[in-house]
């Protein structure tokens, strides 16, 4: 059997370079962070040119029937699969019980996401139960962080979500959370 030689791209275009970088990174990357090394590689790259290249790549992926897209996640871009194949991926990779959030953790995380910055006392008042252990587990998973201290007696810690939260839930920014229907803020 004759093996085909690997294609050599002597002078990759900006589009090819952006595609290659996003294909090999596992974290979202901002256009600004992407531009500097591409300029160092001899390509004319600024944020708007990179965003244009991303639009071209997405158009090619969509027209080619691929299950991948470049999405804006946590202020950067990342190559991801389309939601329609999530069931196949979960079955293939085996949903691990250890990586799932408990109902209490999801409830607490939701409260923090929608009300941030928020103190532990405020979380517990909303939930009606002690939440120290749940908050600690969310901190360990890097889904929340200490966002500062409240200007009140005792200066309790304020909690907020992290870029890891945005990434895990496929959000570009916190404003992309779905609206809470029937709940007054």
N, C-alpha and C. Protein backbone atom coordinates (compact mmCIF):
# COMPACT_ATOMS: atom_id res chain seq x y z
N UNK A 1 0.83 -1.18 0.00
CA UNK A 1 0.00 0.00 0.00
C UNK A 1 0.88 1.24 0.00
N UNK A 2 0.59 2.14 -0.91
CA UNK A 2 1.35 3.39 -0.98
C UNK A 2 0.72 4.41 -0.06
N UNK A 3 1.52 4.94 0.83
CA UNK A 3 1.03 5.97 1.74
C UNK A 3 1.17 7.33 1.07
N UNK A 4 0.14 8.13 1.21
CA UNK A 4 0.20 9.48 0.67
C UNK A 4 1.08 10.33 1.56
N UNK A 5 1.91 11.16 0.95
CA UNK A 5 2.71 12.06 1.80
C UNK A 5 1.81 13.10 2.44
N UNK A 6 2.21 13.55 3.62
CA UNK A 6 1.46 14.60 4.31
C UNK A 6 1.51 15.86 3.46
N UNK A 7 0.38 16.58 3.36
CA UNK A 7 0.40 17.82 2.58
C UNK A 7 1.30 18.85 3.26
N UNK A 8 2.03 19.53 2.46
CA UNK A 8 2.91 20.59 2.97
C UNK A 8 2.32 21.92 2.54
N UNK A 9 2.14 22.79 3.50
CA UNK A 9 1.62 24.13 3.22
C UNK A 9 2.77 25.10 3.49
N UNK A 10 3.51 25.46 2.43
CA UNK A 10 4.70 26.29 2.64
C UNK A 10 4.38 27.67 3.20
N UNK A 11 3.30 28.27 2.76
CA UNK A 11 2.93 29.60 3.23
C UNK A 11 1.45 29.59 3.62
N UNK A 12 1.15 29.15 4.84
CA UNK A 12 -0.27 29.07 5.22
C UNK A 12 -0.92 30.45 5.22
N UNK A 13 -2.18 30.46 4.83
CA UNK A 13 -2.96 31.70 4.88
C UNK A 13 -3.36 31.97 6.32
N UNK A 14 -3.87 33.16 6.55
CA UNK A 14 -4.35 33.49 7.89
C UNK A 14 -5.44 32.51 8.30
N UNK A 15 -6.34 32.20 7.39
CA UNK A 15 -7.43 31.26 7.67
C UNK A 15 -6.88 29.89 8.08
N UNK A 16 -5.89 29.39 7.34
CA UNK A 16 -5.30 28.08 7.67
C UNK A 16 -4.58 28.12 9.01
N UNK A 17 -3.89 29.22 9.29
CA UNK A 17 -3.17 29.35 10.56
C UNK A 17 -4.14 29.40 11.74
N UNK A 18 -5.21 30.18 11.60
CA UNK A 18 -6.21 30.28 12.68
C UNK A 18 -6.84 28.91 12.91
N UNK A 19 -7.19 28.23 11.82
CA UNK A 19 -7.80 26.91 11.93
C UNK A 19 -6.85 25.94 12.64
N UNK A 20 -5.58 25.94 12.28
CA UNK A 20 -4.60 25.05 12.89
C UNK A 20 -4.45 25.31 14.38
N UNK A 21 -4.37 26.57 14.75
CA UNK A 21 -4.20 26.91 16.18
C UNK A 21 -5.44 26.48 16.97
N UNK A 22 -6.63 26.80 16.46
CA UNK A 22 -7.85 26.46 17.20
C UNK A 22 -8.08 24.95 17.24
N UNK A 23 -7.59 24.24 16.26
CA UNK A 23 -7.71 22.79 16.25
C UNK A 23 -6.85 22.15 17.33
N UNK A 24 -5.76 22.82 17.70
CA UNK A 24 -4.82 22.22 18.64
C UNK A 24 -4.87 22.78 20.06
N UNK A 25 -5.72 23.75 20.30
CA UNK A 25 -5.81 24.31 21.66
C UNK A 25 -7.04 23.76 22.37
N UNK A 26 -6.91 23.57 23.67
CA UNK A 26 -8.04 23.03 24.44
C UNK A 26 -8.72 24.10 25.29
N UNK A 27 -8.29 25.34 25.16
CA UNK A 27 -8.90 26.43 25.91
C UNK A 27 -9.27 27.55 24.93
N UNK A 28 -10.28 28.33 25.28
CA UNK A 28 -10.63 29.46 24.40
C UNK A 28 -9.46 30.42 24.28
N UNK A 29 -9.28 30.97 23.08
CA UNK A 29 -8.19 31.91 22.84
C UNK A 29 -8.76 33.18 22.22
N UNK A 30 -8.34 34.31 22.73
CA UNK A 30 -8.85 35.59 22.23
C UNK A 30 -8.15 35.95 20.93
N UNK A 31 -8.81 36.74 20.07
CA UNK A 31 -8.15 37.17 18.84
C UNK A 31 -6.84 37.92 19.11
N UNK A 32 -6.79 38.69 20.18
CA UNK A 32 -5.56 39.43 20.51
C UNK A 32 -4.41 38.48 20.83
N UNK A 33 -4.68 37.42 21.60
CA UNK A 33 -3.63 36.45 21.94
C UNK A 33 -3.21 35.65 20.71
N UNK A 34 -4.11 35.47 19.80
CA UNK A 34 -3.83 34.73 18.58
C UNK A 34 -3.05 35.59 17.57
N UNK A 35 -3.31 36.89 17.55
CA UNK A 35 -2.73 37.79 16.55
C UNK A 35 -1.21 37.90 16.66
N UNK A 36 -0.69 38.06 17.87
CA UNK A 36 0.75 38.30 18.02
C UNK A 36 1.62 37.17 17.45
N UNK A 37 1.39 35.91 17.84
CA UNK A 37 2.24 34.85 17.26
C UNK A 37 2.04 34.70 15.74
N UNK A 38 0.84 34.98 15.26
CA UNK A 38 0.61 34.89 13.81
C UNK A 38 1.38 35.99 13.08
N UNK A 39 1.42 37.18 13.67
CA UNK A 39 2.23 38.26 13.08
C UNK A 39 3.71 37.87 13.10
N UNK A 40 4.14 37.25 14.20
CA UNK A 40 5.54 36.80 14.30
C UNK A 40 5.85 35.73 13.26
N UNK A 41 4.82 35.00 12.81
CA UNK A 41 5.00 33.98 11.77
C UNK A 41 4.90 34.58 10.37
N UNK A 42 4.77 35.91 10.29
CA UNK A 42 4.77 36.58 9.00
C UNK A 42 3.40 36.82 8.39
N UNK A 43 2.35 36.63 9.15
CA UNK A 43 1.00 36.86 8.64
C UNK A 43 0.48 38.20 9.12
N UNK A 44 -0.31 38.84 8.27
CA UNK A 44 -0.96 40.09 8.67
C UNK A 44 -2.19 39.72 9.48
N UNK A 45 -2.10 39.93 10.79
CA UNK A 45 -3.19 39.48 11.66
C UNK A 45 -3.52 40.54 12.68
N UNK A 46 -4.79 40.94 12.69
CA UNK A 46 -5.33 41.76 13.77
C UNK A 46 -6.65 41.12 14.17
N UNK A 47 -7.27 41.64 15.20
CA UNK A 47 -8.49 41.02 15.73
C UNK A 47 -9.59 40.90 14.68
N UNK A 48 -9.79 41.94 13.88
CA UNK A 48 -10.88 41.88 12.89
C UNK A 48 -10.55 40.89 11.77
N UNK A 49 -9.29 40.80 11.37
CA UNK A 49 -8.90 39.82 10.34
C UNK A 49 -9.08 38.40 10.86
N UNK A 50 -8.75 38.19 12.12
CA UNK A 50 -8.91 36.86 12.73
C UNK A 50 -10.39 36.51 12.82
N UNK A 51 -11.22 37.46 13.22
CA UNK A 51 -12.66 37.19 13.29
C UNK A 51 -13.23 36.91 11.89
N UNK A 52 -12.71 37.58 10.88
CA UNK A 52 -13.12 37.29 9.50
C UNK A 52 -12.71 35.89 9.08
N UNK A 53 -11.50 35.48 9.47
CA UNK A 53 -11.04 34.12 9.16
C UNK A 53 -11.91 33.08 9.86
N UNK A 54 -12.32 33.38 11.09
CA UNK A 54 -13.19 32.46 11.83
C UNK A 54 -14.54 32.33 11.14
N UNK A 55 -15.07 33.44 10.62
CA UNK A 55 -16.34 33.38 9.87
C UNK A 55 -16.19 32.51 8.63
N UNK A 56 -15.06 32.64 7.93
CA UNK A 56 -14.80 31.82 6.74
C UNK A 56 -14.73 30.33 7.11
N UNK A 57 -14.00 30.04 8.18
CA UNK A 57 -13.86 28.65 8.62
C UNK A 57 -15.23 28.07 8.97
N UNK A 58 -16.02 28.83 9.73
CA UNK A 58 -17.36 28.35 10.10
C UNK A 58 -18.24 28.12 8.88
N UNK A 59 -18.15 29.00 7.89
CA UNK A 59 -18.93 28.82 6.66
C UNK A 59 -18.51 27.53 5.96
N UNK A 60 -17.21 27.27 5.91
CA UNK A 60 -16.72 26.04 5.28
C UNK A 60 -17.16 24.80 6.05
N UNK A 61 -17.07 24.87 7.37
CA UNK A 61 -17.49 23.74 8.20
C UNK A 61 -18.98 23.45 8.00
N UNK A 62 -19.78 24.51 8.00
CA UNK A 62 -21.22 24.35 7.85
C UNK A 62 -21.58 23.81 6.47
N UNK A 63 -21.00 24.39 5.43
CA UNK A 63 -21.34 23.94 4.07
C UNK A 63 -20.80 22.54 3.79
N UNK A 64 -19.75 22.14 4.49
CA UNK A 64 -19.19 20.81 4.30
C UNK A 64 -19.88 19.74 5.12
N UNK A 65 -20.84 20.15 5.95
CA UNK A 65 -21.57 19.18 6.77
C UNK A 65 -20.78 18.65 7.96
N UNK A 66 -19.78 19.38 8.40
CA UNK A 66 -19.00 18.95 9.54
C UNK A 66 -19.75 19.19 10.85
N UNK A 67 -19.39 18.46 11.90
CA UNK A 67 -20.06 18.59 13.19
C UNK A 67 -19.28 19.50 14.14
N UNK A 68 -18.39 20.28 13.61
CA UNK A 68 -17.59 21.20 14.42
C UNK A 68 -17.89 22.63 13.99
N UNK A 69 -17.71 23.54 14.94
CA UNK A 69 -17.86 24.98 14.71
C UNK A 69 -16.92 25.69 15.66
N UNK A 70 -16.53 26.88 15.26
CA UNK A 70 -15.75 27.71 16.16
C UNK A 70 -16.76 28.61 16.87
N UNK A 71 -16.76 28.54 18.20
CA UNK A 71 -17.72 29.30 19.01
C UNK A 71 -16.99 30.27 19.92
N UNK A 72 -17.64 31.39 20.22
CA UNK A 72 -17.12 32.36 21.18
C UNK A 72 -17.48 31.83 22.56
N UNK A 73 -16.45 31.56 23.35
CA UNK A 73 -16.61 31.02 24.69
C UNK A 73 -15.69 31.79 25.63
N UNK A 74 -16.24 32.28 26.73
CA UNK A 74 -15.44 32.94 27.77
C UNK A 74 -14.48 33.98 27.19
N UNK A 75 -14.96 34.87 26.34
CA UNK A 75 -14.22 35.98 25.74
C UNK A 75 -13.20 35.55 24.69
N UNK A 76 -13.16 34.27 24.34
CA UNK A 76 -12.25 33.79 23.31
C UNK A 76 -12.99 32.89 22.34
N UNK A 77 -12.24 32.23 21.48
CA UNK A 77 -12.82 31.31 20.51
C UNK A 77 -12.25 29.92 20.73
N UNK A 78 -13.10 28.92 20.44
CA UNK A 78 -12.69 27.53 20.59
C UNK A 78 -13.43 26.68 19.57
N UNK A 79 -12.75 25.69 19.02
CA UNK A 79 -13.37 24.74 18.11
C UNK A 79 -14.17 23.75 18.96
N UNK A 80 -15.46 23.60 18.64
CA UNK A 80 -16.33 22.74 19.43
C UNK A 80 -17.24 21.94 18.49
N UNK A 81 -17.82 20.88 19.02
CA UNK A 81 -18.80 20.13 18.25
C UNK A 81 -20.16 20.80 18.37
N UNK A 82 -21.03 20.54 17.40
CA UNK A 82 -22.38 21.09 17.45
C UNK A 82 -23.18 20.33 18.50
N UNK A 83 -24.18 20.98 19.13
CA UNK A 83 -24.93 20.33 20.20
C UNK A 83 -25.62 19.03 19.79
N UNK A 84 -25.96 18.87 18.52
CA UNK A 84 -26.68 17.69 18.08
C UNK A 84 -25.94 16.38 18.27
N UNK A 85 -24.63 16.42 18.47
CA UNK A 85 -23.88 15.18 18.64
C UNK A 85 -23.49 14.91 20.10
N UNK A 86 -24.04 15.70 21.01
CA UNK A 86 -23.66 15.55 22.42
C UNK A 86 -24.01 14.17 22.97
N UNK A 87 -25.13 13.60 22.55
CA UNK A 87 -25.52 12.27 23.03
C UNK A 87 -24.51 11.21 22.62
N UNK A 88 -24.03 11.30 21.39
CA UNK A 88 -23.04 10.34 20.90
C UNK A 88 -21.74 10.49 21.69
N UNK A 89 -21.32 11.73 21.90
CA UNK A 89 -20.08 11.97 22.64
C UNK A 89 -20.19 11.49 24.08
N UNK A 90 -21.33 11.74 24.71
CA UNK A 90 -21.52 11.29 26.10
C UNK A 90 -21.47 9.77 26.16
N UNK A 91 -22.09 9.11 25.20
CA UNK A 91 -22.07 7.65 25.18
C UNK A 91 -20.65 7.13 24.95
N UNK A 92 -19.93 7.77 24.03
CA UNK A 92 -18.57 7.33 23.72
C UNK A 92 -17.64 7.53 24.90
N UNK A 93 -17.67 8.69 25.48
CA UNK A 93 -16.74 9.01 26.58
C UNK A 93 -17.23 8.49 27.92
N UNK A 94 -18.48 8.10 27.99
CA UNK A 94 -19.02 7.58 29.25
C UNK A 94 -19.15 8.69 30.27
N UNK A 95 -20.38 9.10 30.50
CA UNK A 95 -20.61 10.16 31.47
C UNK A 95 -20.15 9.67 32.84
N UNK A 96 -19.18 10.35 33.39
CA UNK A 96 -18.63 9.94 34.68
C UNK A 96 -19.41 10.60 35.80
N UNK A 97 -19.87 9.77 36.72
CA UNK A 97 -20.66 10.29 37.85
C UNK A 97 -19.87 11.30 38.66
N UNK A 98 -18.55 11.11 38.74
CA UNK A 98 -17.72 12.02 39.55
C UNK A 98 -17.71 13.43 38.98
N UNK A 99 -17.90 13.57 37.68
CA UNK A 99 -17.84 14.89 37.09
C UNK A 99 -19.19 15.60 37.11
N UNK A 100 -20.23 14.89 37.46
CA UNK A 100 -21.55 15.51 37.51
C UNK A 100 -21.71 16.34 38.77
N UNK A 101 -22.49 17.38 38.64
CA UNK A 101 -22.78 18.21 39.80
C UNK A 101 -24.04 17.69 40.48
N UNK A 102 -24.03 17.70 41.79
CA UNK A 102 -25.21 17.28 42.54
C UNK A 102 -26.30 18.34 42.37
N UNK A 103 -27.51 17.98 42.76
CA UNK A 103 -28.62 18.93 42.68
C UNK A 103 -28.32 20.17 43.53
N UNK A 104 -27.77 19.95 44.73
CA UNK A 104 -27.43 21.06 45.62
C UNK A 104 -26.36 21.96 44.97
N UNK A 105 -25.38 21.35 44.31
CA UNK A 105 -24.32 22.13 43.66
C UNK A 105 -24.89 22.93 42.49
N UNK A 106 -25.75 22.32 41.69
CA UNK A 106 -26.38 23.04 40.58
C UNK A 106 -27.24 24.19 41.07
N UNK A 107 -27.98 23.94 42.14
CA UNK A 107 -28.84 24.99 42.72
C UNK A 107 -27.99 26.16 43.21
N UNK A 108 -26.93 25.85 43.94
CA UNK A 108 -26.04 26.88 44.47
C UNK A 108 -25.34 27.63 43.34
N UNK A 109 -24.86 26.89 42.34
CA UNK A 109 -24.19 27.50 41.20
C UNK A 109 -25.14 28.43 40.44
N UNK A 110 -26.39 28.03 40.31
CA UNK A 110 -27.38 28.88 39.63
C UNK A 110 -27.61 30.17 40.40
N UNK A 111 -27.72 30.06 41.71
CA UNK A 111 -27.93 31.25 42.54
C UNK A 111 -26.75 32.21 42.38
N UNK A 112 -25.54 31.66 42.43
CA UNK A 112 -24.34 32.50 42.29
C UNK A 112 -24.30 33.13 40.91
N UNK A 113 -24.58 32.36 39.87
CA UNK A 113 -24.51 32.87 38.50
C UNK A 113 -25.48 34.03 38.28
N UNK A 114 -26.69 33.89 38.79
CA UNK A 114 -27.71 34.92 38.54
C UNK A 114 -27.62 36.10 39.51
N UNK A 115 -27.08 35.91 40.70
CA UNK A 115 -27.07 36.98 41.71
C UNK A 115 -25.69 37.53 42.03
N UNK A 116 -24.66 37.10 41.33
CA UNK A 116 -23.29 37.49 41.67
C UNK A 116 -23.06 38.99 41.60
N UNK A 117 -22.18 39.52 42.44
CA UNK A 117 -21.51 38.84 43.53
C UNK A 117 -22.47 38.64 44.71
N UNK A 118 -22.31 37.54 45.43
CA UNK A 118 -23.24 37.17 46.49
C UNK A 118 -22.49 36.53 47.64
N UNK A 119 -22.97 36.78 48.86
CA UNK A 119 -22.33 36.20 50.04
C UNK A 119 -22.91 34.82 50.35
N UNK A 120 -22.18 34.08 51.15
CA UNK A 120 -22.65 32.75 51.57
C UNK A 120 -23.97 32.88 52.33
N UNK A 121 -24.09 33.88 53.19
CA UNK A 121 -25.32 34.08 53.97
C UNK A 121 -26.52 34.31 53.04
N UNK A 122 -26.32 35.08 51.97
CA UNK A 122 -27.41 35.32 51.02
C UNK A 122 -27.78 34.03 50.28
N UNK A 123 -26.78 33.24 49.92
CA UNK A 123 -27.04 31.95 49.26
C UNK A 123 -27.85 31.05 50.19
N UNK A 124 -27.42 30.99 51.44
CA UNK A 124 -28.11 30.13 52.42
C UNK A 124 -29.52 30.62 52.70
N UNK A 125 -29.73 31.93 52.67
CA UNK A 125 -31.07 32.47 52.88
C UNK A 125 -31.99 32.07 51.73
N UNK A 126 -31.47 32.06 50.51
CA UNK A 126 -32.27 31.67 49.35
C UNK A 126 -32.53 30.16 49.37
N UNK A 127 -31.50 29.37 49.65
CA UNK A 127 -31.64 27.91 49.62
C UNK A 127 -32.34 27.37 50.86
N UNK A 128 -32.17 28.05 51.98
CA UNK A 128 -32.78 27.59 53.22
C UNK A 128 -31.98 26.51 53.94
N UNK A 129 -30.76 26.24 53.50
CA UNK A 129 -29.89 25.24 54.14
C UNK A 129 -28.46 25.74 54.12
N UNK A 130 -27.62 25.16 54.99
CA UNK A 130 -26.20 25.49 55.01
C UNK A 130 -25.57 25.10 53.67
N UNK A 131 -24.68 25.94 53.17
CA UNK A 131 -24.13 25.71 51.83
C UNK A 131 -22.60 25.73 51.79
N UNK A 132 -21.96 25.71 52.95
CA UNK A 132 -20.50 25.79 53.00
C UNK A 132 -19.79 24.71 52.21
N UNK A 133 -20.20 23.46 52.38
CA UNK A 133 -19.55 22.34 51.68
C UNK A 133 -19.78 22.42 50.18
N UNK A 134 -20.98 22.80 49.78
CA UNK A 134 -21.29 22.91 48.35
C UNK A 134 -20.45 24.02 47.73
N UNK A 135 -20.34 25.15 48.41
CA UNK A 135 -19.51 26.26 47.92
C UNK A 135 -18.06 25.81 47.80
N UNK A 136 -17.59 25.08 48.79
CA UNK A 136 -16.21 24.59 48.76
C UNK A 136 -15.98 23.68 47.54
N UNK A 137 -16.95 22.80 47.25
CA UNK A 137 -16.79 21.90 46.10
C UNK A 137 -16.80 22.68 44.78
N UNK A 138 -17.62 23.74 44.71
CA UNK A 138 -17.66 24.57 43.50
C UNK A 138 -16.36 25.35 43.33
N UNK A 139 -15.78 25.78 44.45
CA UNK A 139 -14.47 26.44 44.41
C UNK A 139 -13.40 25.46 43.93
N UNK A 140 -13.43 24.21 44.46
CA UNK A 140 -12.47 23.18 44.06
C UNK A 140 -12.56 22.87 42.57
N UNK A 141 -13.76 22.90 42.02
CA UNK A 141 -13.96 22.62 40.60
C UNK A 141 -13.68 23.84 39.73
N UNK A 142 -13.36 24.97 40.37
CA UNK A 142 -13.05 26.24 39.69
C UNK A 142 -14.22 26.78 38.89
N UNK A 143 -15.44 26.49 39.35
CA UNK A 143 -16.63 27.04 38.71
C UNK A 143 -17.01 28.38 39.31
N UNK A 144 -16.59 28.60 40.57
CA UNK A 144 -16.80 29.89 41.23
C UNK A 144 -15.49 30.33 41.84
N UNK A 145 -15.44 31.62 42.20
CA UNK A 145 -14.26 32.18 42.82
C UNK A 145 -14.68 33.21 43.85
N UNK A 146 -13.75 33.56 44.72
CA UNK A 146 -14.00 34.64 45.66
C UNK A 146 -13.82 35.93 44.87
N UNK A 147 -14.89 36.69 44.75
CA UNK A 147 -14.90 37.90 43.91
C UNK A 147 -14.64 39.17 44.71
N UNK A 148 -14.36 39.03 45.99
CA UNK A 148 -14.11 40.18 46.83
C UNK A 148 -14.74 40.01 48.19
N UNK A 149 -14.89 41.12 48.88
CA UNK A 149 -15.51 41.11 50.22
C UNK A 149 -16.61 42.15 50.26
N UNK A 150 -17.69 41.81 50.94
CA UNK A 150 -18.82 42.72 51.07
C UNK A 150 -18.49 43.85 52.02
N UNK A 151 -19.06 45.02 51.77
CA UNK A 151 -18.86 46.18 52.63
C UNK A 151 -19.92 46.17 53.74
N UNK A 152 -19.89 45.14 54.57
CA UNK A 152 -20.83 45.03 55.68
C UNK A 152 -20.10 44.40 56.86
N UNK A 153 -20.76 44.33 57.98
CA UNK A 153 -20.16 43.82 59.21
C UNK A 153 -19.54 42.45 58.99
N UNK A 154 -18.28 42.31 59.37
CA UNK A 154 -17.57 41.05 59.22
C UNK A 154 -16.92 40.87 57.86
N UNK A 155 -17.25 41.75 56.91
CA UNK A 155 -16.70 41.70 55.55
C UNK A 155 -16.70 40.28 54.98
N UNK A 156 -17.89 39.69 54.82
CA UNK A 156 -17.96 38.32 54.29
C UNK A 156 -17.51 38.27 52.83
N UNK A 157 -17.05 37.09 52.41
CA UNK A 157 -16.59 36.89 51.04
C UNK A 157 -17.77 36.95 50.07
N UNK A 158 -17.50 37.49 48.91
CA UNK A 158 -18.46 37.52 47.81
C UNK A 158 -18.03 36.48 46.78
N UNK A 159 -19.00 35.74 46.26
CA UNK A 159 -18.71 34.70 45.28
C UNK A 159 -19.25 35.09 43.91
N UNK A 160 -18.52 34.69 42.88
CA UNK A 160 -18.94 34.90 41.51
C UNK A 160 -18.46 33.74 40.65
N UNK A 161 -18.91 33.69 39.42
CA UNK A 161 -18.52 32.61 38.52
C UNK A 161 -17.18 32.92 37.88
N UNK A 162 -16.60 31.90 37.26
CA UNK A 162 -15.27 32.00 36.65
C UNK A 162 -15.35 31.79 35.13
N UNK A 163 -14.26 32.07 34.42
CA UNK A 163 -14.23 31.73 32.99
C UNK A 163 -14.43 30.22 32.76
N UNK A 164 -13.98 29.40 33.69
CA UNK A 164 -14.20 27.94 33.59
C UNK A 164 -15.69 27.62 33.60
N UNK A 165 -16.48 28.35 34.41
CA UNK A 165 -17.93 28.18 34.42
C UNK A 165 -18.49 28.48 33.03
N UNK A 166 -18.07 29.61 32.45
CA UNK A 166 -18.54 29.99 31.12
C UNK A 166 -18.20 28.90 30.11
N UNK A 167 -16.98 28.41 30.19
CA UNK A 167 -16.53 27.38 29.26
C UNK A 167 -17.33 26.09 29.43
N UNK A 168 -17.50 25.65 30.67
CA UNK A 168 -18.22 24.40 30.93
C UNK A 168 -19.67 24.45 30.47
N UNK A 169 -20.27 25.63 30.55
CA UNK A 169 -21.68 25.76 30.18
C UNK A 169 -21.87 26.37 28.79
N UNK A 170 -20.76 26.55 28.06
CA UNK A 170 -20.85 27.02 26.68
C UNK A 170 -21.38 28.43 26.53
N UNK A 171 -20.96 29.32 27.43
CA UNK A 171 -21.43 30.70 27.39
C UNK A 171 -20.28 31.64 27.01
N UNK A 172 -20.59 32.65 26.22
CA UNK A 172 -19.57 33.64 25.87
C UNK A 172 -19.41 34.64 27.02
N UNK A 173 -20.52 34.96 27.68
CA UNK A 173 -20.49 35.90 28.80
C UNK A 173 -21.66 35.58 29.72
N UNK A 174 -21.64 36.10 30.90
CA UNK A 174 -22.68 35.80 31.89
C UNK A 174 -24.05 36.28 31.44
N UNK A 175 -24.09 37.32 30.61
CA UNK A 175 -25.35 37.83 30.09
C UNK A 175 -26.06 36.85 29.16
N UNK A 176 -25.37 35.79 28.74
CA UNK A 176 -25.97 34.79 27.86
C UNK A 176 -26.78 33.74 28.62
N UNK A 177 -26.82 33.85 29.96
CA UNK A 177 -27.64 32.92 30.74
C UNK A 177 -29.11 33.10 30.33
N UNK A 178 -29.87 32.01 30.31
CA UNK A 178 -31.28 32.15 29.98
C UNK A 178 -32.01 33.00 31.03
N UNK A 179 -33.05 33.69 30.59
CA UNK A 179 -33.83 34.52 31.52
C UNK A 179 -34.59 33.61 32.49
N UNK A 180 -34.70 34.08 33.71
CA UNK A 180 -35.46 33.34 34.73
C UNK A 180 -36.91 33.78 34.63
N UNK A 181 -37.77 32.89 34.18
CA UNK A 181 -39.18 33.22 34.05
C UNK A 181 -39.90 33.05 35.38
N UNK A 182 -40.76 33.99 35.70
CA UNK A 182 -41.58 33.89 36.90
C UNK A 182 -40.85 34.13 38.21
N UNK A 183 -39.60 34.61 38.14
CA UNK A 183 -38.83 34.85 39.35
C UNK A 183 -38.44 36.31 39.37
N UNK A 184 -38.73 36.98 40.46
CA UNK A 184 -38.33 38.38 40.56
C UNK A 184 -36.94 38.46 41.15
N UNK A 185 -36.13 39.37 40.64
CA UNK A 185 -34.74 39.50 41.08
C UNK A 185 -34.64 40.18 42.41
